[in-house]
Amino acid sequence: MKNINKKVWDYIDSNTEVRKSLARNLINTSALAREIAKAENLQGNIDAIISAIRRYENKEKEVRYKSIYDLLEKSKITTKTKLGSILLKRNDETQRIVARLYSKVKLNRSSTLKILEVTNHIKIDMDEELLEEIKSMFSDSDIEYVQKNLGELVIAYSDDITKIPGVFAALSNELAMNGVSIIDSMICHREHFFMVNEEDLEKVFSVVLNLTKSR
């Protein structure tokens, strides 16, 4: 029974459309059980599969996924290409330069310049056309690596997503299941951005767009 339960839950967790339909009560449990039985070679265990599906549909999980998908349906997506990034060692000198970066670089409303700082490193994401100018401000010994040919997808929500649990995890899991490696990602109030390899941007857009469509 435990093995059946795990197979059923793994099947549901790996299937976006099934999860969305369960969250909104748009799927027939018996039909889903037959589908899982066929896919996982569990014929003759329909009752056990139905029980596992119902255990999966606990109230907390249903409410959480429903609120996330409802939020995504109202969101807007934008993408941008020809981006790059610089990873720096975090020390007094790099922090001093970064603090003056916005006043040193000429930007316009459409420019991209994001600074992410963690314990030991500073990451600067920017338009590729700014890459050499910003790179020249730092010593080679402080630069860990430089990346080009990056793309960005930004999701603008109608509500503050920092107050809704699971949004980051839901999107990250969807991209991971579709073979996408996330280079950088951050949530700020009503916006959520993903930095990926430019060659993956079309796939990322397709995955996220599918999640925003009403069912």
N, C-alpha and C. Protein backbone atom coordinates (compact mmCIF):
# COMPACT_ATOMS: atom_id res chain seq x y z
N MET A 1 0.83 -1.21 0.00
CA MET A 1 0.00 0.00 0.00
C MET A 1 0.87 1.26 0.00
N LYS A 2 1.94 1.25 0.78
CA LYS A 2 2.82 2.41 0.85
C LYS A 2 3.46 2.68 -0.50
N ASN A 3 3.82 1.62 -1.21
CA ASN A 3 4.43 1.78 -2.53
C ASN A 3 3.44 2.38 -3.52
N ILE A 4 2.18 1.96 -3.46
CA ILE A 4 1.14 2.51 -4.33
C ILE A 4 0.93 3.99 -4.02
N ASN A 5 0.87 4.29 -2.73
CA ASN A 5 0.68 5.68 -2.32
C ASN A 5 1.78 6.58 -2.88
N LYS A 6 3.03 6.11 -2.79
CA LYS A 6 4.17 6.90 -3.28
C LYS A 6 4.10 7.08 -4.79
N LYS A 7 3.77 6.01 -5.51
CA LYS A 7 3.69 6.10 -6.96
C LYS A 7 2.60 7.07 -7.40
N VAL A 8 1.47 7.03 -6.71
CA VAL A 8 0.36 7.93 -7.05
C VAL A 8 0.76 9.38 -6.79
N TRP A 9 1.35 9.65 -5.63
CA TRP A 9 1.73 11.02 -5.29
C TRP A 9 2.84 11.53 -6.21
N ASP A 10 3.79 10.67 -6.55
CA ASP A 10 4.85 11.07 -7.47
C ASP A 10 4.28 11.40 -8.85
N TYR A 11 3.30 10.61 -9.28
CA TYR A 11 2.66 10.84 -10.57
C TYR A 11 1.97 12.20 -10.58
N ILE A 12 1.21 12.50 -9.53
CA ILE A 12 0.49 13.78 -9.45
C ILE A 12 1.46 14.94 -9.36
N ASP A 13 2.50 14.80 -8.54
CA ASP A 13 3.48 15.88 -8.37
C ASP A 13 4.21 16.21 -9.67
N SER A 14 4.36 15.23 -10.54
CA SER A 14 5.11 15.45 -11.78
C SER A 14 4.22 15.90 -12.94
N ASN A 15 2.92 16.03 -12.69
CA ASN A 15 1.98 16.37 -13.76
C ASN A 15 1.25 17.67 -13.43
N THR A 16 1.66 18.75 -14.09
CA THR A 16 1.11 20.07 -13.83
C THR A 16 -0.40 20.12 -14.01
N GLU A 17 -0.88 19.58 -15.13
CA GLU A 17 -2.30 19.68 -15.44
C GLU A 17 -3.16 18.91 -14.43
N VAL A 18 -2.66 17.77 -13.98
CA VAL A 18 -3.40 16.99 -12.98
C VAL A 18 -3.49 17.77 -11.66
N ARG A 19 -2.36 18.35 -11.24
CA ARG A 19 -2.37 19.13 -10.00
C ARG A 19 -3.34 20.30 -10.08
N LYS A 20 -3.30 21.01 -11.21
CA LYS A 20 -4.18 22.16 -11.38
C LYS A 20 -5.65 21.73 -11.35
N SER A 21 -5.96 20.62 -12.01
CA SER A 21 -7.34 20.15 -12.05
C SER A 21 -7.80 19.67 -10.68
N LEU A 22 -6.93 18.99 -9.95
CA LEU A 22 -7.28 18.56 -8.60
C LEU A 22 -7.54 19.76 -7.69
N ALA A 23 -6.70 20.78 -7.82
CA ALA A 23 -6.84 21.97 -6.97
C ALA A 23 -8.17 22.66 -7.21
N ARG A 24 -8.71 22.53 -8.42
CA ARG A 24 -9.97 23.22 -8.75
C ARG A 24 -11.15 22.27 -8.87
N ASN A 25 -10.96 21.03 -8.45
CA ASN A 25 -12.03 20.03 -8.49
C ASN A 25 -12.59 19.84 -9.90
N LEU A 26 -11.70 19.78 -10.88
CA LEU A 26 -12.12 19.66 -12.28
C LEU A 26 -11.77 18.30 -12.86
N ILE A 27 -11.48 17.33 -12.01
CA ILE A 27 -11.06 16.02 -12.51
C ILE A 27 -11.84 14.92 -11.80
N ASN A 28 -12.19 13.89 -12.54
CA ASN A 28 -12.90 12.74 -12.00
C ASN A 28 -11.89 11.80 -11.36
N THR A 29 -12.06 11.54 -10.08
CA THR A 29 -11.08 10.74 -9.33
C THR A 29 -10.94 9.34 -9.89
N SER A 30 -12.06 8.72 -10.24
CA SER A 30 -12.01 7.35 -10.78
C SER A 30 -11.28 7.31 -12.12
N ALA A 31 -11.55 8.32 -12.96
CA ALA A 31 -10.88 8.39 -14.26
C ALA A 31 -9.38 8.60 -14.08
N LEU A 32 -9.02 9.46 -13.13
CA LEU A 32 -7.60 9.69 -12.84
C LEU A 32 -6.95 8.42 -12.31
N ALA A 33 -7.67 7.69 -11.46
CA ALA A 33 -7.13 6.43 -10.91
C ALA A 33 -6.84 5.43 -12.02
N ARG A 34 -7.74 5.34 -12.99
CA ARG A 34 -7.52 4.42 -14.12
C ARG A 34 -6.32 4.87 -14.96
N GLU A 35 -6.19 6.18 -15.13
CA GLU A 35 -5.05 6.72 -15.89
C GLU A 35 -3.74 6.39 -15.19
N ILE A 36 -3.70 6.57 -13.86
CA ILE A 36 -2.48 6.28 -13.09
C ILE A 36 -2.17 4.79 -13.10
N ALA A 37 -3.23 3.98 -12.98
CA ALA A 37 -3.04 2.53 -12.99
C ALA A 37 -2.38 2.07 -14.29
N LYS A 38 -2.82 2.65 -15.40
CA LYS A 38 -2.25 2.29 -16.69
C LYS A 38 -0.81 2.79 -16.83
N ALA A 39 -0.59 4.03 -16.41
CA ALA A 39 0.74 4.64 -16.54
C ALA A 39 1.78 3.98 -15.64
N GLU A 40 1.36 3.59 -14.45
CA GLU A 40 2.29 3.05 -13.46
C GLU A 40 2.22 1.52 -13.31
N ASN A 41 1.46 0.87 -14.20
CA ASN A 41 1.32 -0.59 -14.17
C ASN A 41 0.77 -1.07 -12.82
N LEU A 42 -0.34 -0.45 -12.43
CA LEU A 42 -0.97 -0.78 -11.14
C LEU A 42 -2.38 -1.31 -11.32
N GLN A 43 -2.65 -1.96 -12.46
CA GLN A 43 -3.98 -2.51 -12.70
C GLN A 43 -4.36 -3.47 -11.57
N GLY A 44 -5.64 -3.43 -11.20
CA GLY A 44 -6.11 -4.28 -10.10
C GLY A 44 -6.01 -3.61 -8.76
N ASN A 45 -5.55 -2.35 -8.73
CA ASN A 45 -5.40 -1.63 -7.46
C ASN A 45 -6.16 -0.30 -7.48
N ILE A 46 -7.27 -0.26 -8.21
CA ILE A 46 -8.00 0.99 -8.39
C ILE A 46 -8.46 1.60 -7.06
N ASP A 47 -8.99 0.78 -6.17
CA ASP A 47 -9.47 1.31 -4.88
C ASP A 47 -8.33 1.93 -4.08
N ALA A 48 -7.18 1.28 -4.08
CA ALA A 48 -6.02 1.80 -3.34
C ALA A 48 -5.53 3.10 -3.97
N ILE A 49 -5.59 3.18 -5.30
CA ILE A 49 -5.16 4.40 -5.99
C ILE A 49 -6.11 5.55 -5.68
N ILE A 50 -7.41 5.27 -5.69
CA ILE A 50 -8.40 6.31 -5.35
C ILE A 50 -8.17 6.82 -3.93
N SER A 51 -7.89 5.92 -3.01
CA SER A 51 -7.60 6.33 -1.62
C SER A 51 -6.37 7.22 -1.55
N ALA A 52 -5.35 6.86 -2.33
CA ALA A 52 -4.11 7.66 -2.34
C ALA A 52 -4.37 9.05 -2.92
N ILE A 53 -5.20 9.12 -3.97
CA ILE A 53 -5.54 10.42 -4.55
C ILE A 53 -6.27 11.28 -3.53
N ARG A 54 -7.19 10.71 -2.83
CA ARG A 54 -7.95 11.48 -1.83
C ARG A 54 -7.09 11.94 -0.67
N ARG A 55 -6.11 11.12 -0.29
CA ARG A 55 -5.18 11.55 0.76
C ARG A 55 -4.33 12.72 0.26
N TYR A 56 -4.01 12.68 -1.03
CA TYR A 56 -3.22 13.76 -1.61
C TYR A 56 -3.99 15.08 -1.57
N GLU A 57 -5.30 14.99 -1.74
CA GLU A 57 -6.14 16.18 -1.83
C GLU A 57 -6.49 16.74 -0.45
N ASN A 58 -5.52 16.88 0.42
CA ASN A 58 -5.82 17.47 1.72
C ASN A 58 -6.11 18.96 1.54
N LYS A 59 -6.88 19.49 2.45
CA LYS A 59 -7.38 20.86 2.31
C LYS A 59 -6.26 21.89 2.18
N GLU A 60 -5.21 21.73 2.97
CA GLU A 60 -4.12 22.70 2.94
C GLU A 60 -3.48 22.77 1.56
N LYS A 61 -3.19 21.62 0.95
CA LYS A 61 -2.53 21.60 -0.35
C LYS A 61 -3.45 22.15 -1.43
N GLU A 62 -4.72 21.80 -1.35
CA GLU A 62 -5.68 22.27 -2.36
C GLU A 62 -5.76 23.80 -2.36
N VAL A 63 -5.89 24.37 -1.18
CA VAL A 63 -6.00 25.83 -1.07
C VAL A 63 -4.73 26.50 -1.57
N ARG A 64 -3.57 25.92 -1.21
CA ARG A 64 -2.30 26.52 -1.60
C ARG A 64 -2.13 26.54 -3.12
N TYR A 65 -2.34 25.41 -3.78
CA TYR A 65 -2.17 25.38 -5.22
C TYR A 65 -3.20 26.23 -5.94
N LYS A 66 -4.44 26.22 -5.44
CA LYS A 66 -5.48 27.00 -6.10
C LYS A 66 -5.13 28.48 -6.06
N SER A 67 -4.66 28.98 -4.91
CA SER A 67 -4.32 30.39 -4.81
C SER A 67 -3.15 30.76 -5.72
N ILE A 68 -2.21 29.84 -5.88
CA ILE A 68 -1.06 30.11 -6.76
C ILE A 68 -1.49 30.17 -8.21
N TYR A 69 -2.28 29.21 -8.65
CA TYR A 69 -2.70 29.20 -10.05
C TYR A 69 -3.65 30.35 -10.36
N ASP A 70 -4.52 30.69 -9.42
CA ASP A 70 -5.40 31.85 -9.61
C ASP A 70 -4.58 33.12 -9.76
N LEU A 71 -3.52 33.23 -8.98
CA LEU A 71 -2.64 34.41 -9.05
C LEU A 71 -1.92 34.46 -10.40
N LEU A 72 -1.43 33.31 -10.84
CA LEU A 72 -0.72 33.26 -12.12
C LEU A 72 -1.62 33.62 -13.29
N GLU A 73 -2.89 33.24 -13.20
CA GLU A 73 -3.83 33.55 -14.29
C GLU A 73 -3.98 35.05 -14.52
N LYS A 74 -3.79 35.83 -13.47
CA LYS A 74 -3.97 37.29 -13.56
C LYS A 74 -2.66 38.03 -13.82
N SER A 75 -1.59 37.30 -13.98
CA SER A 75 -0.27 37.92 -14.12
C SER A 75 0.04 38.30 -15.55
N LYS A 76 1.10 39.09 -15.73
CA LYS A 76 1.59 39.48 -17.04
C LYS A 76 3.05 39.06 -17.16
N ILE A 77 3.43 38.59 -18.34
CA ILE A 77 4.78 38.08 -18.56
C ILE A 77 5.52 38.95 -19.58
N THR A 78 6.76 39.27 -19.27
CA THR A 78 7.61 39.95 -20.25
C THR A 78 8.95 39.20 -20.30
N THR A 79 9.61 39.29 -21.44
CA THR A 79 10.92 38.65 -21.59
C THR A 79 11.92 39.65 -22.16
N LYS A 80 13.19 39.36 -21.94
CA LYS A 80 14.25 40.21 -22.47
C LYS A 80 15.47 39.35 -22.77
N THR A 81 16.12 39.64 -23.88
CA THR A 81 17.32 38.89 -24.28
C THR A 81 18.54 39.81 -24.26
N LYS A 82 19.67 39.27 -24.68
CA LYS A 82 20.94 40.00 -24.76
C LYS A 82 21.34 40.59 -23.40
N LEU A 83 21.34 39.72 -22.41
CA LEU A 83 21.76 40.09 -21.06
C LEU A 83 23.04 39.37 -20.68
N GLY A 84 23.72 39.87 -19.69
CA GLY A 84 24.94 39.25 -19.18
C GLY A 84 25.04 39.43 -17.68
N SER A 85 26.05 38.82 -17.08
CA SER A 85 26.22 38.95 -15.63
C SER A 85 27.69 38.83 -15.25
N ILE A 86 28.02 39.39 -14.11
CA ILE A 86 29.36 39.31 -13.54
C ILE A 86 29.23 38.83 -12.10
N LEU A 87 29.99 37.81 -11.75
CA LEU A 87 30.04 37.34 -10.37
C LEU A 87 31.32 37.85 -9.73
N LEU A 88 31.18 38.57 -8.63
CA LEU A 88 32.33 39.18 -7.95
C LEU A 88 32.53 38.58 -6.57
N LYS A 89 33.79 38.64 -6.12
CA LYS A 89 34.06 38.36 -4.71
C LYS A 89 33.51 39.53 -3.89
N ARG A 90 32.96 39.23 -2.77
CA ARG A 90 32.42 40.30 -1.91
C ARG A 90 33.49 40.73 -0.92
N ASN A 91 33.98 41.94 -1.10
CA ASN A 91 34.96 42.50 -0.17
C ASN A 91 34.76 44.02 -0.11
N ASP A 92 35.58 44.69 0.65
CA ASP A 92 35.40 46.14 0.85
C ASP A 92 35.50 46.90 -0.48
N GLU A 93 36.44 46.50 -1.33
CA GLU A 93 36.64 47.21 -2.59
C GLU A 93 35.46 47.03 -3.55
N THR A 94 35.00 45.78 -3.73
CA THR A 94 33.88 45.55 -4.64
C THR A 94 32.60 46.19 -4.11
N GLN A 95 32.40 46.18 -2.80
CA GLN A 95 31.21 46.82 -2.23
C GLN A 95 31.26 48.34 -2.44
N ARG A 96 32.45 48.91 -2.35
CA ARG A 96 32.60 50.35 -2.55
C ARG A 96 32.24 50.73 -3.99
N ILE A 97 32.71 49.94 -4.94
CA ILE A 97 32.43 50.23 -6.35
C ILE A 97 30.95 50.01 -6.67
N VAL A 98 30.40 48.91 -6.16
CA VAL A 98 28.99 48.60 -6.41
C VAL A 98 28.09 49.70 -5.87
N ALA A 99 28.45 50.26 -4.72
CA ALA A 99 27.64 51.31 -4.10
C ALA A 99 27.51 52.53 -5.00
N ARG A 100 28.50 52.73 -5.90
CA ARG A 100 28.49 53.91 -6.78
C ARG A 100 28.06 53.57 -8.21
N LEU A 101 27.67 52.33 -8.42
CA LEU A 101 27.44 51.84 -9.77
C LEU A 101 26.34 52.61 -10.50
N TYR A 102 25.23 52.84 -9.84
CA TYR A 102 24.10 53.50 -10.51
C TYR A 102 24.43 54.94 -10.91
N SER A 103 25.30 55.57 -10.18
CA SER A 103 25.68 56.95 -10.54
C SER A 103 26.76 56.99 -11.62
N LYS A 104 27.43 55.86 -11.85
CA LYS A 104 28.53 55.81 -12.82
C LYS A 104 28.06 55.35 -14.21
N VAL A 105 27.00 54.56 -14.26
CA VAL A 105 26.55 53.96 -15.51
C VAL A 105 25.33 54.71 -16.04
N LYS A 106 25.35 55.01 -17.33
CA LYS A 106 24.22 55.70 -17.94
C LYS A 106 23.12 54.69 -18.25
N LEU A 107 21.96 54.90 -17.64
CA LEU A 107 20.84 53.98 -17.80
C LEU A 107 19.62 54.73 -18.32
N ASN A 108 18.72 53.97 -18.95
CA ASN A 108 17.41 54.52 -19.30
C ASN A 108 16.33 53.62 -18.73
N ARG A 109 15.08 53.95 -18.99
CA ARG A 109 13.98 53.22 -18.35
C ARG A 109 13.95 51.74 -18.73
N SER A 110 14.44 51.43 -19.92
CA SER A 110 14.41 50.04 -20.37
C SER A 110 15.67 49.25 -20.01
N SER A 111 16.64 49.92 -19.39
CA SER A 111 17.91 49.25 -19.04
C SER A 111 17.70 48.22 -17.94
N THR A 112 18.52 47.19 -17.98
CA THR A 112 18.53 46.19 -16.92
C THR A 112 19.84 46.31 -16.14
N LEU A 113 19.72 46.48 -14.84
CA LEU A 113 20.88 46.48 -13.95
C LEU A 113 20.39 46.03 -12.58
N LYS A 114 20.68 44.78 -12.25
CA LYS A 114 20.25 44.21 -10.97
C LYS A 114 21.49 43.79 -10.18
N ILE A 115 21.49 44.07 -8.90
CA ILE A 115 22.61 43.71 -8.03
C ILE A 115 22.09 42.78 -6.93
N LEU A 116 22.66 41.59 -6.87
CA LEU A 116 22.28 40.61 -5.85
C LEU A 116 23.51 40.35 -4.97
N GLU A 117 23.35 40.52 -3.69
CA GLU A 117 24.48 40.37 -2.77
C GLU A 117 24.19 39.30 -1.73
N VAL A 118 25.13 38.36 -1.59
CA VAL A 118 25.03 37.31 -0.58
C VAL A 118 26.28 37.35 0.29
N THR A 119 26.49 36.34 1.10
CA THR A 119 27.56 36.39 2.10
C THR A 119 28.95 36.59 1.50
N ASN A 120 29.28 35.83 0.47
CA ASN A 120 30.63 35.86 -0.07
C ASN A 120 30.74 36.42 -1.49
N HIS A 121 29.61 36.70 -2.12
CA HIS A 121 29.64 37.12 -3.51
C HIS A 121 28.64 38.25 -3.80
N ILE A 122 28.91 38.94 -4.90
CA ILE A 122 28.00 39.94 -5.44
C ILE A 122 27.77 39.58 -6.89
N LYS A 123 26.52 39.53 -7.30
CA LYS A 123 26.17 39.22 -8.70
C LYS A 123 25.53 40.45 -9.33
N ILE A 124 26.01 40.82 -10.50
CA ILE A 124 25.44 41.95 -11.23
C ILE A 124 24.89 41.43 -12.55
N ASP A 125 23.57 41.57 -12.74
CA ASP A 125 22.92 41.22 -14.00
C ASP A 125 22.65 42.51 -14.77
N MET A 126 22.91 42.49 -16.09
CA MET A 126 22.83 43.75 -16.85
C MET A 126 22.62 43.46 -18.33
N ASP A 127 22.33 44.52 -19.08
CA ASP A 127 22.33 44.42 -20.53
C ASP A 127 23.75 44.12 -21.01
N GLU A 128 23.87 43.29 -22.03
CA GLU A 128 25.19 42.93 -22.55
C GLU A 128 26.00 44.16 -22.97
N GLU A 129 25.32 45.20 -23.44
CA GLU A 129 26.02 46.40 -23.89
C GLU A 129 26.71 47.13 -22.74
N LEU A 130 26.33 46.83 -21.51
CA LEU A 130 26.96 47.45 -20.34
C LEU A 130 28.07 46.59 -19.75
N LEU A 131 28.19 45.36 -20.25
CA LEU A 131 29.07 44.38 -19.62
C LEU A 131 30.52 44.82 -19.55
N GLU A 132 31.09 45.24 -20.65
CA GLU A 132 32.50 45.61 -20.67
C GLU A 132 32.77 46.85 -19.82
N GLU A 133 31.85 47.81 -19.87
CA GLU A 133 32.01 49.03 -19.08
C GLU A 133 32.03 48.72 -17.59
N ILE A 134 31.10 47.89 -17.15
CA ILE A 134 31.04 47.56 -15.73
C ILE A 134 32.18 46.63 -15.33
N LYS A 135 32.52 45.71 -16.19
CA LYS A 135 33.64 44.80 -15.90
C LYS A 135 34.94 45.57 -15.69
N SER A 136 35.15 46.64 -16.46
CA SER A 136 36.40 47.41 -16.37
C SER A 136 36.54 48.14 -15.03
N MET A 137 35.47 48.26 -14.27
CA MET A 137 35.52 48.96 -12.98
C MET A 137 36.13 48.09 -11.88
N PHE A 138 36.23 46.79 -12.14
CA PHE A 138 36.70 45.85 -11.11
C PHE A 138 38.02 45.22 -11.53
N SER A 139 38.82 44.87 -10.56
CA SER A 139 40.09 44.19 -10.85
C SER A 139 39.80 42.74 -11.25
N ASP A 140 40.65 42.18 -12.11
CA ASP A 140 40.46 40.80 -12.55
C ASP A 140 40.45 39.83 -11.38
N SER A 141 41.21 40.14 -10.35
CA SER A 141 41.30 39.23 -9.20
C SER A 141 40.00 39.16 -8.41
N ASP A 142 39.13 40.18 -8.58
CA ASP A 142 37.85 40.19 -7.87
C ASP A 142 36.71 39.59 -8.69
N ILE A 143 36.96 39.30 -9.96
CA ILE A 143 35.93 38.75 -10.84
C ILE A 143 36.04 37.23 -10.88
N GLU A 144 34.98 36.56 -10.42
CA GLU A 144 34.95 35.09 -10.45
C GLU A 144 34.67 34.59 -11.86
N TYR A 145 33.64 35.12 -12.49
CA TYR A 145 33.36 34.77 -13.88
C TYR A 145 32.37 35.75 -14.49
N VAL A 146 32.32 35.73 -15.83
CA VAL A 146 31.43 36.58 -16.61
C VAL A 146 30.57 35.68 -17.50
N GLN A 147 29.28 35.97 -17.58
CA GLN A 147 28.38 35.21 -18.44
C GLN A 147 27.72 36.12 -19.46
N LYS A 148 27.57 35.60 -20.67
CA LYS A 148 26.84 36.30 -21.72
C LYS A 148 25.71 35.42 -22.23
N ASN A 149 24.95 35.94 -23.17
CA ASN A 149 23.86 35.18 -23.81
C ASN A 149 22.83 34.69 -22.79
N LEU A 150 22.42 35.60 -21.92
CA LEU A 150 21.40 35.29 -20.93
C LEU A 150 20.07 35.94 -21.32
N GLY A 151 19.00 35.39 -20.79
CA GLY A 151 17.67 35.93 -21.02
C GLY A 151 16.93 36.04 -19.71
N GLU A 152 15.93 36.90 -19.67
CA GLU A 152 15.19 37.15 -18.44
C GLU A 152 13.69 37.05 -18.71
N LEU A 153 12.98 36.42 -17.80
CA LEU A 153 11.53 36.41 -17.82
C LEU A 153 11.03 37.05 -16.53
N VAL A 154 10.14 38.01 -16.67
CA VAL A 154 9.59 38.72 -15.51
C VAL A 154 8.09 38.47 -15.45
N ILE A 155 7.61 38.07 -14.28
CA ILE A 155 6.17 37.90 -14.06
C ILE A 155 5.70 39.02 -13.14
N ALA A 156 4.74 39.81 -13.63
CA ALA A 156 4.15 40.89 -12.83
C ALA A 156 2.79 40.43 -12.34
N TYR A 157 2.63 40.35 -11.02
CA TYR A 157 1.40 39.86 -10.42
C TYR A 157 0.48 41.02 -10.02
N SER A 158 -0.76 40.67 -9.75
CA SER A 158 -1.73 41.68 -9.32
C SER A 158 -1.69 41.89 -7.81
N ASP A 159 -1.04 40.98 -7.09
CA ASP A 159 -0.96 41.06 -5.63
C ASP A 159 0.48 40.89 -5.16
N ASP A 160 0.71 41.22 -3.91
CA ASP A 160 2.02 41.04 -3.28
C ASP A 160 2.24 39.55 -3.04
N ILE A 161 3.14 38.93 -3.83
CA ILE A 161 3.31 37.48 -3.74
C ILE A 161 4.18 37.06 -2.56
N THR A 162 4.81 38.02 -1.89
CA THR A 162 5.61 37.66 -0.71
C THR A 162 4.72 37.17 0.42
N LYS A 163 3.41 37.38 0.29
CA LYS A 163 2.47 36.96 1.34
C LYS A 163 1.73 35.68 0.97
N ILE A 164 2.11 35.08 -0.17
CA ILE A 164 1.44 33.86 -0.63
C ILE A 164 2.46 32.73 -0.68
N PRO A 165 2.40 31.76 0.24
CA PRO A 165 3.39 30.69 0.29
C PRO A 165 3.37 29.82 -0.96
N GLY A 166 4.54 29.40 -1.41
CA GLY A 166 4.65 28.38 -2.44
C GLY A 166 4.81 28.85 -3.86
N VAL A 167 4.73 30.16 -4.11
CA VAL A 167 4.82 30.65 -5.49
C VAL A 167 6.20 30.34 -6.08
N PHE A 168 7.24 30.69 -5.37
CA PHE A 168 8.61 30.47 -5.85
C PHE A 168 8.85 28.98 -6.09
N ALA A 169 8.44 28.15 -5.14
CA ALA A 169 8.66 26.70 -5.26
C ALA A 169 7.88 26.11 -6.43
N ALA A 170 6.64 26.56 -6.61
CA ALA A 170 5.81 26.02 -7.69
C ALA A 170 6.43 26.29 -9.05
N LEU A 171 6.88 27.52 -9.27
CA LEU A 171 7.49 27.87 -10.56
C LEU A 171 8.84 27.20 -10.76
N SER A 172 9.64 27.18 -9.71
CA SER A 172 10.95 26.53 -9.80
C SER A 172 10.82 25.05 -10.13
N ASN A 173 9.84 24.39 -9.50
CA ASN A 173 9.62 22.97 -9.77
C ASN A 173 9.19 22.73 -11.20
N GLU A 174 8.30 23.59 -11.71
CA GLU A 174 7.85 23.44 -13.10
C GLU A 174 9.02 23.57 -14.07
N LEU A 175 9.88 24.55 -13.84
CA LEU A 175 11.02 24.74 -14.74
C LEU A 175 12.01 23.58 -14.63
N ALA A 176 12.22 23.09 -13.41
CA ALA A 176 13.12 21.95 -13.22
C ALA A 176 12.60 20.71 -13.94
N MET A 177 11.28 20.48 -13.87
CA MET A 177 10.69 19.31 -14.53
C MET A 177 10.80 19.41 -16.05
N ASN A 178 11.00 20.64 -16.55
CA ASN A 178 11.15 20.84 -17.98
C ASN A 178 12.62 21.03 -18.39
N GLY A 179 13.53 20.69 -17.48
CA GLY A 179 14.95 20.67 -17.80
C GLY A 179 15.61 22.03 -17.87
N VAL A 180 15.05 23.03 -17.20
CA VAL A 180 15.60 24.38 -17.24
C VAL A 180 16.42 24.66 -15.97
N SER A 181 17.65 25.13 -16.15
CA SER A 181 18.48 25.55 -15.02
C SER A 181 18.30 27.05 -14.80
N ILE A 182 17.95 27.43 -13.58
CA ILE A 182 17.76 28.84 -13.25
C ILE A 182 19.10 29.42 -12.81
N ILE A 183 19.52 30.49 -13.46
CA ILE A 183 20.80 31.12 -13.12
C ILE A 183 20.62 32.08 -11.95
N ASP A 184 19.60 32.92 -12.02
CA ASP A 184 19.25 33.82 -10.91
C ASP A 184 17.74 33.93 -10.84
N SER A 185 17.23 34.17 -9.65
CA SER A 185 15.80 34.39 -9.49
C SER A 185 15.56 35.18 -8.22
N MET A 186 14.57 36.05 -8.27
CA MET A 186 14.27 36.86 -7.09
C MET A 186 12.81 37.32 -7.13
N ILE A 187 12.21 37.43 -5.96
CA ILE A 187 10.87 37.99 -5.82
C ILE A 187 10.98 39.33 -5.12
N CYS A 188 10.30 40.33 -5.68
CA CYS A 188 10.25 41.66 -5.06
C CYS A 188 8.82 42.18 -5.16
N HIS A 189 8.12 42.13 -4.05
CA HIS A 189 6.74 42.60 -3.95
C HIS A 189 5.84 41.91 -4.97
N ARG A 190 5.51 42.57 -6.08
CA ARG A 190 4.61 41.99 -7.08
C ARG A 190 5.32 41.48 -8.32
N GLU A 191 6.63 41.45 -8.29
CA GLU A 191 7.38 40.99 -9.45
C GLU A 191 8.28 39.80 -9.10
N HIS A 192 8.45 38.95 -10.09
CA HIS A 192 9.27 37.74 -9.93
C HIS A 192 10.08 37.58 -11.21
N PHE A 193 11.39 37.55 -11.09
CA PHE A 193 12.19 37.41 -12.30
C PHE A 193 13.03 36.14 -12.26
N PHE A 194 13.24 35.58 -13.46
CA PHE A 194 14.11 34.42 -13.65
C PHE A 194 15.15 34.78 -14.69
N MET A 195 16.41 34.55 -14.38
CA MET A 195 17.49 34.71 -15.35
C MET A 195 17.92 33.30 -15.77
N VAL A 196 17.92 33.06 -17.08
CA VAL A 196 18.26 31.74 -17.61
C VAL A 196 19.16 31.91 -18.83
N ASN A 197 19.68 30.80 -19.33
CA ASN A 197 20.41 30.86 -20.59
C ASN A 197 19.44 31.28 -21.69
N GLU A 198 19.90 32.13 -22.57
CA GLU A 198 19.04 32.67 -23.61
C GLU A 198 18.38 31.56 -24.44
N GLU A 199 19.10 30.47 -24.65
CA GLU A 199 18.55 29.36 -25.44
C GLU A 199 17.39 28.66 -24.74
N ASP A 200 17.24 28.86 -23.41
CA ASP A 200 16.14 28.25 -22.66
C ASP A 200 14.95 29.19 -22.50
N LEU A 201 15.09 30.44 -22.94
CA LEU A 201 14.06 31.44 -22.65
C LEU A 201 12.72 31.09 -23.29
N GLU A 202 12.74 30.59 -24.50
CA GLU A 202 11.48 30.22 -25.16
C GLU A 202 10.75 29.13 -24.40
N LYS A 203 11.51 28.15 -23.90
CA LYS A 203 10.91 27.07 -23.11
C LYS A 203 10.33 27.60 -21.80
N VAL A 204 11.08 28.49 -21.14
CA VAL A 204 10.61 29.09 -19.88
C VAL A 204 9.31 29.85 -20.12
N PHE A 205 9.28 30.62 -21.19
CA PHE A 205 8.07 31.39 -21.52
C PHE A 205 6.88 30.45 -21.73
N SER A 206 7.10 29.36 -22.46
CA SER A 206 6.04 28.41 -22.75
C SER A 206 5.50 27.76 -21.48
N VAL A 207 6.42 27.36 -20.58
CA VAL A 207 6.01 26.72 -19.33
C VAL A 207 5.19 27.68 -18.47
N VAL A 208 5.69 28.89 -18.29
CA VAL A 208 4.99 29.86 -17.43
C VAL A 208 3.68 30.30 -18.07
N LEU A 209 3.67 30.50 -19.38
CA LEU A 209 2.44 30.90 -20.07
C LEU A 209 1.36 29.86 -19.87
N ASN A 210 1.73 28.59 -19.94
CA ASN A 210 0.77 27.51 -19.74
C ASN A 210 0.14 27.57 -18.35
N LEU A 211 0.94 27.96 -17.36
CA LEU A 211 0.43 28.06 -16.00
C LEU A 211 -0.52 29.25 -15.82
N THR A 212 -0.40 30.24 -16.67
CA THR A 212 -1.24 31.45 -16.53
C THR A 212 -2.59 31.31 -17.22
N LYS A 213 -2.73 30.26 -18.03
CA LYS A 213 -3.96 30.13 -18.80
C LYS A 213 -5.07 29.55 -17.93
N SER A 214 -6.24 30.11 -18.06
CA SER A 214 -7.41 29.61 -17.34
C SER A 214 -7.78 28.22 -17.87
N ARG A 215 -8.28 27.41 -16.96
CA ARG A 215 -8.73 26.06 -17.35
C ARG A 215 -10.22 25.94 -17.10
